Amino acid sequence: MISRETIKAEVIQVKELGEKIGYGHLMELASALWRKSLEEKGYPISGAFIPTIGACIEKEMFDKTENERATYDEFVRW
Protein backbone atom coordinates (compact mmCIF):
# COMPACT_ATOMS: atom_id res chain seq x y z
CA MET A 1 0.00 0.00 0.00
CA ILE A 2 1.15 3.52 -0.72
CA SER A 3 2.21 5.47 2.34
CA ARG A 4 0.32 8.48 3.59
CA GLU A 5 3.41 10.64 2.98
CA THR A 6 3.60 9.51 -0.65
CA ILE A 7 -0.06 10.33 -1.21
CA LYS A 8 0.40 13.75 0.41
CA ALA A 9 3.33 14.49 -1.90
CA GLU A 10 1.35 13.38 -4.95
CA VAL A 11 -1.64 15.50 -3.93
CA ILE A 12 0.64 18.53 -3.71
CA GLN A 13 2.12 17.82 -7.17
CA VAL A 14 -1.29 17.41 -8.78
CA LYS A 15 -2.66 20.50 -7.01
CA GLU A 16 0.25 22.63 -8.20
CA LEU A 17 -0.05 21.42 -11.79
CA GLY A 18 -3.86 21.64 -11.79
CA GLU A 19 -3.72 25.22 -10.55
CA LYS A 20 -1.05 26.06 -13.11
CA ILE A 21 -2.62 24.59 -16.27
CA GLY A 22 -6.23 24.04 -15.16
CA TYR A 23 -7.72 20.92 -13.63
CA GLY A 24 -9.93 20.12 -16.62
CA HIS A 25 -6.99 20.43 -19.01
CA LEU A 26 -4.88 18.25 -16.71
CA MET A 27 -7.55 15.54 -16.63
CA GLU A 28 -8.09 15.61 -20.40
CA LEU A 29 -4.35 15.39 -21.06
CA ALA A 30 -3.97 12.53 -18.56
CA SER A 31 -6.85 10.69 -20.22
CA ALA A 32 -5.36 11.15 -23.69
CA LEU A 33 -1.95 9.98 -22.48
CA TRP A 34 -3.51 6.94 -20.82
CA ARG A 35 -5.34 6.06 -24.07
CA LYS A 36 -2.11 6.48 -26.04
CA SER A 37 -0.25 4.25 -23.58
CA LEU A 38 -2.94 1.56 -23.75
CA GLU A 39 -2.98 1.69 -27.55
CA GLU A 40 0.82 1.41 -27.73
CA LYS A 41 0.65 -1.69 -25.53
CA GLY A 42 -2.08 -3.23 -27.65
CA TYR A 43 -4.81 -2.84 -25.03
CA PRO A 44 -8.27 -1.43 -25.67
CA ILE A 45 -8.37 2.32 -25.14
CA SER A 46 -11.74 1.88 -23.45
CA GLY A 47 -9.74 1.02 -20.32
CA ALA A 48 -8.79 4.67 -19.76
CA PHE A 49 -10.88 6.99 -17.63
CA ILE A 50 -12.79 9.72 -19.46
CA PRO A 51 -13.16 13.04 -17.64
CA THR A 52 -16.79 14.08 -17.36
CA ILE A 53 -19.27 15.47 -14.85
CA GLY A 54 -21.65 13.51 -12.65
CA ALA A 55 -24.69 14.71 -14.57
CA CYS A 56 -23.38 12.89 -17.67
CA ILE A 57 -23.24 9.53 -15.89
CA GLU A 58 -26.24 7.30 -15.31
CA LYS A 59 -27.26 7.51 -11.64
CA GLU A 60 -26.74 3.78 -11.02
CA MET A 61 -23.19 3.91 -12.36
CA PHE A 62 -22.46 7.21 -10.57
CA ASP A 63 -23.64 5.71 -7.28
CA LYS A 64 -21.29 2.74 -7.75
CA THR A 65 -18.31 5.11 -7.64
CA GLU A 66 -19.22 6.62 -4.25
CA ASN A 67 -16.58 4.65 -2.32
CA GLU A 68 -13.77 5.63 -4.68
CA ARG A 69 -14.79 9.28 -4.66
CA ALA A 70 -14.98 9.27 -0.86
CA THR A 71 -11.52 7.68 -0.62
CA TYR A 72 -9.92 10.28 -2.87
CA ASP A 73 -11.80 13.12 -1.16
CA GLU A 74 -10.23 11.91 2.08
CA PHE A 75 -6.76 11.83 0.46
CA VAL A 76 -6.95 15.53 -0.39
CA ARG A 77 -8.04 16.41 3.16
CA TRP A 78 -4.88 14.97 4.77
PDB file of N, CA and C in Angstrom:
ATOM      1  N   MET A   1       0.841  -1.187   0.000  1.00  0.00           N
ATOM      2  CA  MET A   1       0.000   0.000   0.000  1.00  0.00           C
ATOM      3  C   MET A   1       0.883   1.246   0.000  1.00  0.00           C
ATOM      4  N   ILE A   2       0.412   2.266  -0.656  1.00  0.00           N
ATOM      5  CA  ILE A   2       1.155   3.522  -0.725  1.00  0.00           C
ATOM      6  C   ILE A   2       1.068   4.226   0.624  1.00  0.00           C
ATOM      7  N   SER A   3       2.178   4.796   1.048  1.00  0.00           N
ATOM      8  CA  SER A   3       2.206   5.471   2.342  1.00  0.00           C
ATOM      9  C   SER A   3       1.448   6.791   2.306  1.00  0.00           C
ATOM     10  N   ARG A   4       1.027   7.215   3.464  1.00  0.00           N
ATOM     11  CA  ARG A   4       0.320   8.485   3.595  1.00  0.00           C
ATOM     12  C   ARG A   4       1.194   9.640   3.107  1.00  0.00           C
ATOM     13  N   GLU A   5       2.485   9.579   3.400  1.00  0.00           N
ATOM     14  CA  GLU A   5       3.406  10.637   2.982  1.00  0.00           C
ATOM     15  C   GLU A   5       3.517  10.705   1.460  1.00  0.00           C
ATOM     16  N   THR A   6       3.537   9.544   0.817  1.00  0.00           N
ATOM     17  CA  THR A   6       3.602   9.506  -0.648  1.00  0.00           C
ATOM     18  C   THR A   6       2.349  10.123  -1.247  1.00  0.00           C
ATOM     19  N   ILE A   7       1.192   9.774  -0.702  1.00  0.00           N
ATOM     20  CA  ILE A   7      -0.061  10.329  -1.209  1.00  0.00           C
ATOM     21  C   ILE A   7      -0.092  11.836  -1.004  1.00  0.00           C
ATOM     22  N   LYS A   8       0.357  12.301   0.157  1.00  0.00           N
ATOM     23  CA  LYS A   8       0.398  13.749   0.414  1.00  0.00           C
ATOM     24  C   LYS A   8       1.260  14.453  -0.627  1.00  0.00           C
ATOM     25  N   ALA A   9       2.426  13.884  -0.920  1.00  0.00           N
ATOM     26  CA  ALA A   9       3.334  14.492  -1.902  1.00  0.00           C
ATOM     27  C   ALA A   9       2.691  14.503  -3.287  1.00  0.00           C
ATOM     28  N   GLU A  10       2.004  13.431  -3.647  1.00  0.00           N
ATOM     29  CA  GLU A  10       1.348  13.377  -4.952  1.00  0.00           C
ATOM     30  C   GLU A  10       0.194  14.372  -5.036  1.00  0.00           C
ATOM     31  N   VAL A  11      -0.556  14.516  -3.951  1.00  0.00           N
ATOM     32  CA  VAL A  11      -1.642  15.497  -3.927  1.00  0.00           C
ATOM     33  C   VAL A  11      -1.085  16.900  -4.176  1.00  0.00           C
ATOM     34  N   ILE A  12       0.018  17.216  -3.532  1.00  0.00           N
ATOM     35  CA  ILE A  12       0.642  18.533  -3.706  1.00  0.00           C
ATOM     36  C   ILE A  12       1.073  18.737  -5.161  1.00  0.00           C
ATOM     37  N   GLN A  13       1.676  17.704  -5.763  1.00  0.00           N
ATOM     38  CA  GLN A  13       2.121  17.820  -7.165  1.00  0.00           C
ATOM     39  C   GLN A  13       0.939  18.050  -8.100  1.00  0.00           C
ATOM     40  N   VAL A  14      -0.124  17.286  -7.913  1.00  0.00           N
ATOM     41  CA  VAL A  14      -1.287  17.412  -8.782  1.00  0.00           C
ATOM     42  C   VAL A  14      -1.958  18.765  -8.570  1.00  0.00           C
ATOM     43  N   LYS A  15      -2.050  19.200  -7.307  1.00  0.00           N
ATOM     44  CA  LYS A  15      -2.656  20.502  -7.007  1.00  0.00           C
ATOM     45  C   LYS A  15      -1.884  21.628  -7.691  1.00  0.00           C
ATOM     46  N   GLU A  16      -0.578  21.586  -7.582  1.00  0.00           N
ATOM     47  CA  GLU A  16       0.252  22.628  -8.198  1.00  0.00           C
ATOM     48  C   GLU A  16       0.072  22.652  -9.718  1.00  0.00           C
ATOM     49  N   LEU A  17       0.103  21.464 -10.336  1.00  0.00           N
ATOM     50  CA  LEU A  17      -0.046  21.417 -11.791  1.00  0.00           C
ATOM     51  C   LEU A  17      -1.463  21.793 -12.201  1.00  0.00           C
ATOM     52  N   GLY A  18      -2.469  21.312 -11.474  1.00  0.00           N
ATOM     53  CA  GLY A  18      -3.859  21.644 -11.785  1.00  0.00           C
ATOM     54  C   GLY A  18      -4.116  23.136 -11.703  1.00  0.00           C
ATOM     55  N   GLU A  19      -3.546  23.781 -10.687  1.00  0.00           N
ATOM     56  CA  GLU A  19      -3.723  25.224 -10.554  1.00  0.00           C
ATOM     57  C   GLU A  19      -2.947  25.989 -11.634  1.00  0.00           C
ATOM     58  N   LYS A  20      -1.867  25.399 -12.088  1.00  0.00           N
ATOM     59  CA  LYS A  20      -1.048  26.058 -13.111  1.00  0.00           C
ATOM     60  C   LYS A  20      -1.683  25.963 -14.499  1.00  0.00           C
ATOM     61  N   ILE A  21      -2.124  24.769 -14.897  1.00  0.00           N
ATOM     62  CA  ILE A  21      -2.619  24.586 -16.267  1.00  0.00           C
ATOM     63  C   ILE A  21      -4.136  24.416 -16.336  1.00  0.00           C
ATOM     64  N   GLY A  22      -4.786  24.261 -15.206  1.00  0.00           N
ATOM     65  CA  GLY A  22      -6.234  24.038 -15.160  1.00  0.00           C
ATOM     66  C   GLY A  22      -6.531  22.566 -14.918  1.00  0.00           C
ATOM     67  N   TYR A  23      -7.417  22.317 -13.988  1.00  0.00           N
ATOM     68  CA  TYR A  23      -7.724  20.922 -13.634  1.00  0.00           C
ATOM     69  C   TYR A  23      -8.372  20.157 -14.781  1.00  0.00           C
ATOM     70  N   GLY A  24      -9.290  20.794 -15.500  1.00  0.00           N
ATOM     71  CA  GLY A  24      -9.933  20.119 -16.619  1.00  0.00           C
ATOM     72  C   GLY A  24      -8.932  19.752 -17.701  1.00  0.00           C
ATOM     73  N   HIS A  25      -8.037  20.689 -18.009  1.00  0.00           N
ATOM     74  CA  HIS A  25      -6.995  20.433 -19.013  1.00  0.00           C
ATOM     75  C   HIS A  25      -6.079  19.297 -18.548  1.00  0.00           C
ATOM     76  N   LEU A  26      -5.720  19.310 -17.280  1.00  0.00           N
ATOM     77  CA  LEU A  26      -4.879  18.248 -16.710  1.00  0.00           C
ATOM     78  C   LEU A  26      -5.548  16.883 -16.864  1.00  0.00           C
ATOM     79  N   MET A  27      -6.841  16.816 -16.541  1.00  0.00           N
ATOM     80  CA  MET A  27      -7.546  15.536 -16.631  1.00  0.00           C
ATOM     81  C   MET A  27      -7.693  15.066 -18.074  1.00  0.00           C
ATOM     82  N   GLU A  28      -7.968  15.992 -18.990  1.00  0.00           N
ATOM     83  CA  GLU A  28      -8.092  15.607 -20.397  1.00  0.00           C
ATOM     84  C   GLU A  28      -6.758  15.121 -20.964  1.00  0.00           C
ATOM     85  N   LEU A  29      -5.674  15.825 -20.605  1.00  0.00           N
ATOM     86  CA  LEU A  29      -4.350  15.389 -21.062  1.00  0.00           C
ATOM     87  C   LEU A  29      -3.988  14.023 -20.487  1.00  0.00           C
ATOM     88  N   ALA A  30      -4.264  13.825 -19.195  1.00  0.00           N
ATOM     89  CA  ALA A  30      -3.969  12.531 -18.560  1.00  0.00           C
ATOM     90  C   ALA A  30      -4.761  11.419 -19.239  1.00  0.00           C
ATOM     91  N   SER A  31      -6.018  11.682 -19.550  1.00  0.00           N
ATOM     92  CA  SER A  31      -6.847  10.686 -20.219  1.00  0.00           C
ATOM     93  C   SER A  31      -6.294  10.349 -21.602  1.00  0.00           C
ATOM     94  N   ALA A  32      -5.911  11.371 -22.347  1.00  0.00           N
ATOM     95  CA  ALA A  32      -5.357  11.146 -23.686  1.00  0.00           C
ATOM     96  C   ALA A  32      -4.045  10.366 -23.618  1.00  0.00           C
ATOM     97  N   LEU A  33      -3.207  10.714 -22.644  1.00  0.00           N
ATOM     98  CA  LEU A  33      -1.947   9.982 -22.480  1.00  0.00           C
ATOM     99  C   LEU A  33      -2.188   8.531 -22.076  1.00  0.00           C
ATOM    100  N   TRP A  34      -3.176   8.300 -21.238  1.00  0.00           N
ATOM    101  CA  TRP A  34      -3.514   6.944 -20.822  1.00  0.00           C
ATOM    102  C   TRP A  34      -3.989   6.139 -22.042  1.00  0.00           C
ATOM    103  N   ARG A  35      -4.877   6.745 -22.864  1.00  0.00           N
ATOM    104  CA  ARG A  35      -5.341   6.056 -24.068  1.00  0.00           C
ATOM    105  C   ARG A  35      -4.179   5.733 -24.996  1.00  0.00           C
ATOM    106  N   LYS A  36      -3.278   6.688 -25.173  1.00  0.00           N
ATOM    107  CA  LYS A  36      -2.108   6.477 -26.035  1.00  0.00           C
ATOM    108  C   LYS A  36      -1.256   5.331 -25.503  1.00  0.00           C
ATOM    109  N   SER A  37      -1.043   5.308 -24.193  1.00  0.00           N
ATOM    110  CA  SER A  37      -0.254   4.247 -23.575  1.00  0.00           C
ATOM    111  C   SER A  37      -0.913   2.880 -23.763  1.00  0.00           C
ATOM    112  N   LEU A  38      -2.222   2.825 -23.564  1.00  0.00           N
ATOM    113  CA  LEU A  38      -2.940   1.564 -23.751  1.00  0.00           C
ATOM    114  C   LEU A  38      -2.830   1.089 -25.196  1.00  0.00           C
ATOM    115  N   GLU A  39      -3.044   2.023 -26.127  1.00  0.00           N
ATOM    116  CA  GLU A  39      -2.979   1.688 -27.545  1.00  0.00           C
ATOM    117  C   GLU A  39      -1.592   1.167 -27.930  1.00  0.00           C
ATOM    118  N   GLU A  40      -0.549   1.827 -27.429  1.00  0.00           N
ATOM    119  CA  GLU A  40       0.824   1.408 -27.734  1.00  0.00           C
ATOM    120  C   GLU A  40       1.128   0.018 -27.195  1.00  0.00           C
ATOM    121  N   LYS A  41       0.446  -0.366 -26.124  1.00  0.00           N
ATOM    122  CA  LYS A  41       0.649  -1.685 -25.529  1.00  0.00           C
ATOM    123  C   LYS A  41      -0.297  -2.731 -26.102  1.00  0.00           C
ATOM    124  N   GLY A  42      -1.153  -2.302 -27.023  1.00  0.00           N
ATOM    125  CA  GLY A  42      -2.083  -3.231 -27.651  1.00  0.00           C
ATOM    126  C   GLY A  42      -3.332  -3.511 -26.838  1.00  0.00           C
ATOM    127  N   TYR A  43      -3.610  -2.683 -25.860  1.00  0.00           N
ATOM    128  CA  TYR A  43      -4.808  -2.843 -25.028  1.00  0.00           C
ATOM    129  C   TYR A  43      -5.927  -1.962 -25.561  1.00  0.00           C
ATOM    130  N   PRO A  44      -7.163  -2.293 -25.231  1.00  0.00           N
ATOM    131  CA  PRO A  44      -8.272  -1.430 -25.669  1.00  0.00           C
ATOM    132  C   PRO A  44      -8.231  -0.077 -24.964  1.00  0.00           C
ATOM    133  N   ILE A  45      -8.415   0.979 -25.724  1.00  0.00           N
ATOM    134  CA  ILE A  45      -8.369   2.322 -25.136  1.00  0.00           C
ATOM    135  C   ILE A  45      -9.573   2.587 -24.241  1.00  0.00           C
ATOM    136  N   SER A  46     -10.566   1.732 -24.311  1.00  0.00           N
ATOM    137  CA  SER A  46     -11.742   1.885 -23.449  1.00  0.00           C
ATOM    138  C   SER A  46     -11.391   1.680 -21.975  1.00  0.00           C
ATOM    139  N   GLY A  47     -10.179   1.219 -21.699  1.00  0.00           N
ATOM    140  CA  GLY A  47      -9.743   1.025 -20.315  1.00  0.00           C
ATOM    141  C   GLY A  47      -9.345   2.309 -19.609  1.00  0.00           C
ATOM    142  N   ALA A  48      -9.197   3.393 -20.353  1.00  0.00           N
ATOM    143  CA  ALA A  48      -8.785   4.668 -19.757  1.00  0.00           C
ATOM    144  C   ALA A  48     -10.000   5.439 -19.245  1.00  0.00           C
ATOM    145  N   PHE A  49      -9.824   6.120 -18.153  1.00  0.00           N
ATOM    146  CA  PHE A  49     -10.878   6.987 -17.628  1.00  0.00           C
ATOM    147  C   PHE A  49     -11.148   8.116 -18.623  1.00  0.00           C
ATOM    148  N   ILE A  50     -12.391   8.587 -18.626  1.00  0.00           N
ATOM    149  CA  ILE A  50     -12.787   9.716 -19.458  1.00  0.00           C
ATOM    150  C   ILE A  50     -13.311  10.806 -18.523  1.00  0.00           C
ATOM    151  N   PRO A  51     -12.680  11.968 -18.509  1.00  0.00           N
ATOM    152  CA  PRO A  51     -13.162  13.044 -17.636  1.00  0.00           C
ATOM    153  C   PRO A  51     -14.557  13.506 -18.060  1.00  0.00           C
ATOM    154  N   THR A  52     -15.438  13.606 -17.103  1.00  0.00           N
ATOM    155  CA  THR A  52     -16.795  14.084 -17.356  1.00  0.00           C
ATOM    156  C   THR A  52     -17.368  14.621 -16.051  1.00  0.00           C
ATOM    157  N   ILE A  53     -18.617  15.011 -16.074  1.00  0.00           N
ATOM    158  CA  ILE A  53     -19.269  15.468 -14.847  1.00  0.00           C
ATOM    159  C   ILE A  53     -20.334  14.452 -14.447  1.00  0.00           C
ATOM    160  N   GLY A  54     -20.693  14.469 -13.165  1.00  0.00           N
ATOM    161  CA  GLY A  54     -21.650  13.505 -12.647  1.00  0.00           C
ATOM    162  C   GLY A  54     -22.967  13.484 -13.399  1.00  0.00           C
ATOM    163  N   ALA A  55     -23.419  14.639 -13.860  1.00  0.00           N
ATOM    164  CA  ALA A  55     -24.693  14.714 -14.572  1.00  0.00           C
ATOM    165  C   ALA A  55     -24.683  13.932 -15.884  1.00  0.00           C
ATOM    166  N   CYS A  56     -23.500  13.629 -16.407  1.00  0.00           N
ATOM    167  CA  CYS A  56     -23.384  12.889 -17.667  1.00  0.00           C
ATOM    168  C   CYS A  56     -23.288  11.380 -17.455  1.00  0.00           C
ATOM    169  N   ILE A  57     -23.361  10.949 -16.209  1.00  0.00           N
ATOM    170  CA  ILE A  57     -23.236   9.528 -15.891  1.00  0.00           C
ATOM    171  C   ILE A  57     -24.576   9.033 -15.350  1.00  0.00           C
ATOM    172  N   GLU A  58     -24.998   7.866 -15.814  1.00  0.00           N
ATOM    173  CA  GLU A  58     -26.245   7.296 -15.310  1.00  0.00           C
ATOM    174  C   GLU A  58     -26.157   7.170 -13.791  1.00  0.00           C
ATOM    175  N   LYS A  59     -27.251   7.481 -13.102  1.00  0.00           N
ATOM    176  CA  LYS A  59     -27.265   7.505 -11.641  1.00  0.00           C
ATOM    177  C   LYS A  59     -26.747   6.207 -11.038  1.00  0.00           C
ATOM    178  N   GLU A  60     -27.176   5.075 -11.564  1.00  0.00           N
ATOM    179  CA  GLU A  60     -26.738   3.785 -11.016  1.00  0.00           C
ATOM    180  C   GLU A  60     -25.217   3.642 -11.079  1.00  0.00           C
ATOM    181  N   MET A  61     -24.638   4.018 -12.204  1.00  0.00           N
ATOM    182  CA  MET A  61     -23.193   3.915 -12.358  1.00  0.00           C
ATOM    183  C   MET A  61     -22.482   4.953 -11.488  1.00  0.00           C
ATOM    184  N   PHE A  62     -23.035   6.160 -11.418  1.00  0.00           N
ATOM    185  CA  PHE A  62     -22.459   7.206 -10.574  1.00  0.00           C
ATOM    186  C   PHE A  62     -22.440   6.759  -9.118  1.00  0.00           C
ATOM    187  N   ASP A  63     -23.544   6.175  -8.670  1.00  0.00           N
ATOM    188  CA  ASP A  63     -23.640   5.707  -7.282  1.00  0.00           C
ATOM    189  C   ASP A  63     -22.611   4.626  -6.974  1.00  0.00           C
ATOM    190  N   LYS A  64     -22.269   3.816  -7.960  1.00  0.00           N
ATOM    191  CA  LYS A  64     -21.290   2.741  -7.754  1.00  0.00           C
ATOM    192  C   LYS A  64     -19.875   3.270  -7.519  1.00  0.00           C
ATOM    193  N   THR A  65     -19.642   4.540  -7.830  1.00  0.00           N
ATOM    194  CA  THR A  65     -18.305   5.112  -7.641  1.00  0.00           C
ATOM    195  C   THR A  65     -18.181   5.882  -6.329  1.00  0.00           C
ATOM    196  N   GLU A  66     -19.209   5.844  -5.498  1.00  0.00           N
ATOM    197  CA  GLU A  66     -19.220   6.624  -4.250  1.00  0.00           C
ATOM    198  C   GLU A  66     -18.016   6.294  -3.362  1.00  0.00           C
ATOM    199  N   ASN A  67     -17.702   5.025  -3.200  1.00  0.00           N
ATOM    200  CA  ASN A  67     -16.580   4.646  -2.324  1.00  0.00           C
ATOM    201  C   ASN A  67     -15.257   5.201  -2.826  1.00  0.00           C
ATOM    202  N   GLU A  68     -15.015   5.119  -4.128  1.00  0.00           N
ATOM    203  CA  GLU A  68     -13.770   5.629  -4.682  1.00  0.00           C
ATOM    204  C   GLU A  68     -13.685   7.145  -4.528  1.00  0.00           C
ATOM    205  N   ARG A  69     -14.792   7.826  -4.802  1.00  0.00           N
ATOM    206  CA  ARG A  69     -14.793   9.283  -4.655  1.00  0.00           C
ATOM    207  C   ARG A  69     -14.551   9.672  -3.203  1.00  0.00           C
ATOM    208  N   ALA A  70     -15.165   8.968  -2.283  1.00  0.00           N
ATOM    209  CA  ALA A  70     -14.978   9.267  -0.856  1.00  0.00           C
ATOM    210  C   ALA A  70     -13.528   9.028  -0.436  1.00  0.00           C
ATOM    211  N   THR A  71     -12.919   7.969  -0.944  1.00  0.00           N
ATOM    212  CA  THR A  71     -11.523   7.679  -0.616  1.00  0.00           C
ATOM    213  C   THR A  71     -10.611   8.797  -1.093  1.00  0.00           C
ATOM    214  N   TYR A  72     -10.782   9.224  -2.335  1.00  0.00           N
ATOM    215  CA  TYR A  72      -9.923  10.283  -2.869  1.00  0.00           C
ATOM    216  C   TYR A  72     -10.226  11.637  -2.238  1.00  0.00           C
ATOM    217  N   ASP A  73     -11.478  11.883  -1.886  1.00  0.00           N
ATOM    218  CA  ASP A  73     -11.805  13.120  -1.164  1.00  0.00           C
ATOM    219  C   ASP A  73     -11.067  13.146   0.166  1.00  0.00           C
ATOM    220  N   GLU A  74     -10.956  11.999   0.804  1.00  0.00           N
ATOM    221  CA  GLU A  74     -10.231  11.912   2.081  1.00  0.00           C
ATOM    222  C   GLU A  74      -8.730  12.155   1.857  1.00  0.00           C
ATOM    223  N   PHE A  75      -8.187  11.612   0.772  1.00  0.00           N
ATOM    224  CA  PHE A  75      -6.764  11.831   0.463  1.00  0.00           C
ATOM    225  C   PHE A  75      -6.433  13.320   0.409  1.00  0.00           C
ATOM    226  N   VAL A  76      -7.272  14.117  -0.223  1.00  0.00           N
ATOM    227  CA  VAL A  76      -6.949  15.526  -0.389  1.00  0.00           C
ATOM    228  C   VAL A  76      -7.216  16.341   0.879  1.00  0.00           C
ATOM    229  N   ARG A  77      -7.819  15.726   1.881  1.00  0.00           N
ATOM    230  CA  ARG A  77      -8.038  16.411   3.157  1.00  0.00           C
ATOM    231  C   ARG A  77      -6.886  16.211   4.144  1.00  0.00           C
ATOM    232  N   TRP A  78      -5.984  15.266   3.839  1.00  0.00           N
ATOM    233  CA  TRP A  78      -4.884  14.969   4.770  1.00  0.00           C
ATOM    234  C   TRP A  78      -3.998  16.155   4.950  1.00  0.00           C
TER     235      TRP A  78
END
